Each structure stands twice: as C-alpha cells, then as structure tokens.
Amino acid sequence: MYTPMLKNILRKITCSKTLVLATLLTLAPAVLAQTTPASQTVTLKNPLQVTSLEELLIAILNIIVVIAIPIIVFFIIYSGFLYVTAKGNASQVEQATRSLTYAIVGGVLIIGAVAIAEIVRNLVTSF
C-alpha cells in the first residue's frame, strides 16, 4: 500500500515526533521547577496531632481497636448463629466452636496489644 519512499518519510516523522516528545518530557521538570531564595526557609506543617513515634504508634493502635472491636463482636454473633443452626451436627458444631475460639483469641490479642503498648509507654515516661 505504501511505497518504500513513503514508508521512509513516515518513519522519519515518527522518529522526529518521538525525539521532540522525549525532549519536552526531560525539560519539563527543569522549566517548571521553582527555586526559593537562600534566605527563605520552607517549613512543613505536621498534619498529624502527634509529635513522637510513640504517640504515632498509640494512635495507629487506637484506630485498629476501633475497627477491630465491631468485627470481633460480629464474629461472636456469627458463631452463636452457627451454634443455633448446627442442630447437633458435629462438623457444624466444630466449625462454630472454631469460629468462636478465633474471635475470642483475636479480641484478646487486640486488647493485649493495647495493654502492652500502654505498659511500655508508662515505663518509658517514668524514666
């Protein structure tokens, strides 16, 4: 469909477009970069209300607790539902027991993590 001469012209146009695009992409950050005078200092505002790593870990742990407690309660209720609907079937009772065990172990782990974090925080601040 295309003659060899037309193919050569199209190839050169494509190469030149690629070269122009690559040049623009490499120069754009340098052109758009803003410089600040040496006497001007830039300060960043802390969007979090924490000032130390300890406070950050406590805040993250509190968020995890807020999210995990409703999930744990849901799984305890779900385990009760499984017990009621088991009707004496041994495999379903075993599944309900396992579900309840996992929910309680998860709750104890979450509450234990909060307790350990508070104990460590109190020990660190007492020195």
C-alpha atoms as a PDB file:
ATOM      1  CA  MET A   1       0.000   0.000   0.000  1.00  0.00           C
ATOM      2  CA  TYR A   2       2.797   2.415   0.925  1.00  0.00           C
ATOM      3  CA  THR A   3       5.738   2.884  -1.330  1.00  0.00           C
ATOM      4  CA  PRO A   4       9.206   2.432   0.167  1.00  0.00           C
ATOM      5  CA  MET A   5       9.857   6.167  -0.111  1.00  0.00           C
ATOM      6  CA  LEU A   6       6.617   6.993   1.747  1.00  0.00           C
ATOM      7  CA  LYS A   7       7.486   4.432   4.435  1.00  0.00           C
ATOM      8  CA  ASN A   8      10.862   6.110   4.904  1.00  0.00           C
ATOM      9  CA  ILE A   9       9.215   9.550   5.256  1.00  0.00           C
ATOM     10  CA  LEU A  10       6.673   8.245   7.775  1.00  0.00           C
ATOM     11  CA  ARG A  11       9.460   6.585   9.775  1.00  0.00           C
ATOM     12  CA  LYS A  12      11.410   9.862   9.888  1.00  0.00           C
ATOM     13  CA  ILE A  13       8.313  11.790  11.003  1.00  0.00           C
ATOM     14  CA  THR A  14       7.666   9.228  13.746  1.00  0.00           C
ATOM     15  CA  CYS A  15      11.285   9.404  14.888  1.00  0.00           C
ATOM     16  CA  SER A  16      11.209  13.194  14.962  1.00  0.00           C
ATOM     17  CA  LYS A  17       7.939  13.189  16.939  1.00  0.00           C
ATOM     18  CA  THR A  18       9.484  10.775  19.443  1.00  0.00           C
ATOM     19  CA  LEU A  19      12.592  12.939  19.717  1.00  0.00           C
ATOM     20  CA  VAL A  20      10.537  16.099  20.296  1.00  0.00           C
ATOM     21  CA  LEU A  21       8.345  14.361  22.881  1.00  0.00           C
ATOM     22  CA  ALA A  22      11.349  12.952  24.734  1.00  0.00           C
ATOM     23  CA  THR A  23      12.986  16.393  24.760  1.00  0.00           C
ATOM     24  CA  LEU A  24       9.841  18.027  26.138  1.00  0.00           C
ATOM     25  CA  LEU A  25       9.436  15.388  28.823  1.00  0.00           C
ATOM     26  CA  THR A  26      13.020  15.761  30.009  1.00  0.00           C
ATOM     27  CA  LEU A  27      12.965  19.567  30.001  1.00  0.00           C
ATOM     28  CA  ALA A  28       9.542  19.995  31.602  1.00  0.00           C
ATOM     29  CA  PRO A  29      10.659  19.384  35.203  1.00  0.00           C
ATOM     30  CA  ALA A  30      13.551  21.811  34.834  1.00  0.00           C
ATOM     31  CA  VAL A  31      11.336  24.502  33.347  1.00  0.00           C
ATOM     32  CA  LEU A  32       8.511  24.094  35.855  1.00  0.00           C
ATOM     33  CA  ALA A  33      10.734  23.812  38.932  1.00  0.00           C
ATOM     34  CA  GLN A  34      10.541  26.755  41.290  1.00  0.00           C
ATOM     35  CA  THR A  35      13.533  27.911  43.204  1.00  0.00           C
ATOM     36  CA  THR A  36      13.415  29.571  46.572  1.00  0.00           C
ATOM     37  CA  PRO A  37      15.850  32.238  47.619  1.00  0.00           C
ATOM     38  CA  ALA A  38      18.579  31.137  50.016  1.00  0.00           C
ATOM     39  CA  SER A  39      17.257  33.419  52.753  1.00  0.00           C
ATOM     40  CA  GLN A  40      13.748  31.965  52.613  1.00  0.00           C
ATOM     41  CA  THR A  41      13.138  28.849  54.697  1.00  0.00           C
ATOM     42  CA  VAL A  42      10.443  26.358  53.966  1.00  0.00           C
ATOM     43  CA  THR A  43       8.554  24.832  56.880  1.00  0.00           C
ATOM     44  CA  LEU A  44       6.216  21.904  56.646  1.00  0.00           C
ATOM     45  CA  LYS A  45       3.169  21.712  58.869  1.00  0.00           C
ATOM     46  CA  ASN A  46       2.546  18.449  60.651  1.00  0.00           C
ATOM     47  CA  PRO A  47      -0.912  17.215  59.561  1.00  0.00           C
ATOM     48  CA  LEU A  48      -0.975  14.704  62.412  1.00  0.00           C
ATOM     49  CA  GLN A  49      -1.529  15.642  66.017  1.00  0.00           C
ATOM     50  CA  VAL A  50       1.400  13.516  67.164  1.00  0.00           C
ATOM     51  CA  THR A  51       4.892  14.707  67.906  1.00  0.00           C
ATOM     52  CA  SER A  52       6.726  11.443  68.580  1.00  0.00           C
ATOM     53  CA  LEU A  53       6.929   7.929  67.272  1.00  0.00           C
ATOM     54  CA  GLU A  54       5.374   6.648  70.480  1.00  0.00           C
ATOM     55  CA  GLU A  55       2.275   8.804  70.009  1.00  0.00           C
ATOM     56  CA  LEU A  56       2.024   7.723  66.383  1.00  0.00           C
ATOM     57  CA  LEU A  57       2.065   4.039  67.329  1.00  0.00           C
ATOM     58  CA  ILE A  58      -0.567   4.612  70.022  1.00  0.00           C
ATOM     59  CA  ALA A  59      -2.760   6.483  67.512  1.00  0.00           C
ATOM     60  CA  ILE A  60      -2.446   3.672  64.958  1.00  0.00           C
ATOM     61  CA  LEU A  61      -3.226   1.094  67.625  1.00  0.00           C
ATOM     62  CA  ASN A  62      -6.324   3.032  68.694  1.00  0.00           C
ATOM     63  CA  ILE A  63      -7.539   3.126  65.086  1.00  0.00           C
ATOM     64  CA  ILE A  64      -7.020  -0.636  64.798  1.00  0.00           C
ATOM     65  CA  VAL A  65      -9.007  -1.164  68.005  1.00  0.00           C
ATOM     66  CA  VAL A  66     -11.884   0.969  66.742  1.00  0.00           C
ATOM     67  CA  ILE A  67     -12.010  -1.056  63.539  1.00  0.00           C
ATOM     68  CA  ALA A  68     -11.429  -4.487  65.127  1.00  0.00           C
ATOM     69  CA  ILE A  69     -13.922  -4.411  68.005  1.00  0.00           C
ATOM     70  CA  PRO A  70     -17.048  -4.385  65.781  1.00  0.00           C
ATOM     71  CA  ILE A  71     -15.549  -7.149  63.638  1.00  0.00           C
ATOM     72  CA  ILE A  72     -14.878  -9.265  66.724  1.00  0.00           C
ATOM     73  CA  VAL A  73     -18.419  -8.693  68.004  1.00  0.00           C
ATOM     74  CA  PHE A  74     -19.786  -9.656  64.584  1.00  0.00           C
ATOM     75  CA  PHE A  75     -17.845 -12.926  64.598  1.00  0.00           C
ATOM     76  CA  ILE A  76     -19.008 -13.777  68.117  1.00  0.00           C
ATOM     77  CA  ILE A  77     -22.617 -13.245  66.999  1.00  0.00           C
ATOM     78  CA  TYR A  78     -21.915 -15.276  63.847  1.00  0.00           C
ATOM     79  CA  SER A  79     -20.540 -18.112  65.998  1.00  0.00           C
ATOM     80  CA  GLY A  80     -23.707 -18.071  68.057  1.00  0.00           C
ATOM     81  CA  PHE A  81     -25.733 -18.258  64.855  1.00  0.00           C
ATOM     82  CA  LEU A  82     -23.653 -21.242  63.738  1.00  0.00           C
ATOM     83  CA  TYR A  83     -24.302 -22.983  67.075  1.00  0.00           C
ATOM     84  CA  VAL A  84     -28.043 -22.442  66.770  1.00  0.00           C
ATOM     85  CA  THR A  85     -28.219 -23.663  63.177  1.00  0.00           C
ATOM     86  CA  ALA A  86     -25.936 -26.682  63.776  1.00  0.00           C
ATOM     87  CA  LYS A  87     -28.843 -28.778  65.144  1.00  0.00           C
ATOM     88  CA  GLY A  88     -26.455 -31.301  66.662  1.00  0.00           C
ATOM     89  CA  ASN A  89     -24.376 -31.818  63.512  1.00  0.00           C
ATOM     90  CA  ALA A  90     -20.843 -32.483  64.797  1.00  0.00           C
ATOM     91  CA  SER A  91     -18.977 -30.817  61.920  1.00  0.00           C
ATOM     92  CA  GLN A  92     -21.087 -27.661  62.129  1.00  0.00           C
ATOM     93  CA  VAL A  93     -20.682 -27.512  65.920  1.00  0.00           C
ATOM     94  CA  GLU A  94     -16.922 -27.885  65.426  1.00  0.00           C
ATOM     95  CA  GLN A  95     -16.956 -25.045  62.876  1.00  0.00           C
ATOM     96  CA  ALA A  96     -18.937 -22.848  65.286  1.00  0.00           C
ATOM     97  CA  THR A  97     -16.535 -23.657  68.133  1.00  0.00           C
ATOM     98  CA  ARG A  98     -13.537 -22.828  65.930  1.00  0.00           C
ATOM     99  CA  SER A  99     -15.136 -19.558  64.833  1.00  0.00           C
ATOM    100  CA  LEU A 100     -15.856 -18.548  68.420  1.00  0.00           C
ATOM    101  CA  THR A 101     -12.339 -19.522  69.503  1.00  0.00           C
ATOM    102  CA  TYR A 102     -10.739 -17.447  66.734  1.00  0.00           C
ATOM    103  CA  ALA A 103     -12.936 -14.462  67.543  1.00  0.00           C
ATOM    104  CA  ILE A 104     -12.051 -14.579  71.230  1.00  0.00           C
ATOM    105  CA  VAL A 105      -8.333 -15.102  70.539  1.00  0.00           C
ATOM    106  CA  GLY A 106      -8.377 -12.159  68.133  1.00  0.00           C
ATOM    107  CA  GLY A 107     -10.079  -9.974  70.715  1.00  0.00           C
ATOM    108  CA  VAL A 108      -7.581 -10.970  73.389  1.00  0.00           C
ATOM    109  CA  LEU A 109      -4.682 -10.213  71.028  1.00  0.00           C
ATOM    110  CA  ILE A 110      -6.036  -6.761  70.200  1.00  0.00           C
ATOM    111  CA  ILE A 111      -6.716  -5.888  73.832  1.00  0.00           C
ATOM    112  CA  GLY A 112      -3.352  -7.375  74.822  1.00  0.00           C
ATOM    113  CA  ALA A 113      -1.570  -5.210  72.250  1.00  0.00           C
ATOM    114  CA  VAL A 114      -3.213  -2.112  73.679  1.00  0.00           C
ATOM    115  CA  ALA A 115      -2.283  -3.169  77.219  1.00  0.00           C
ATOM    116  CA  ILE A 116       1.339  -3.869  76.268  1.00  0.00           C
ATOM    117  CA  ALA A 117       1.606  -0.535  74.458  1.00  0.00           C
ATOM    118  CA  GLU A 118       0.279   1.309  77.499  1.00  0.00           C
ATOM    119  CA  ILE A 119       2.633  -0.553  79.837  1.00  0.00           C
ATOM    120  CA  VAL A 120       5.639   0.225  77.643  1.00  0.00           C
ATOM    121  CA  ARG A 121       4.552   3.863  77.343  1.00  0.00           C
ATOM    122  CA  ASN A 122       4.229   4.203  81.126  1.00  0.00           C
ATOM    123  CA  LEU A 123       7.612   2.565  81.677  1.00  0.00           C
ATOM    124  CA  VAL A 124       9.316   4.827  79.158  1.00  0.00           C
ATOM    125  CA  THR A 125       7.766   8.003  80.521  1.00  0.00           C
ATOM    126  CA  SER A 126       8.603   7.086  84.122  1.00  0.00           C
ATOM    127  CA  PHE A 127      12.357   7.256  83.409  1.00  0.00           C
END
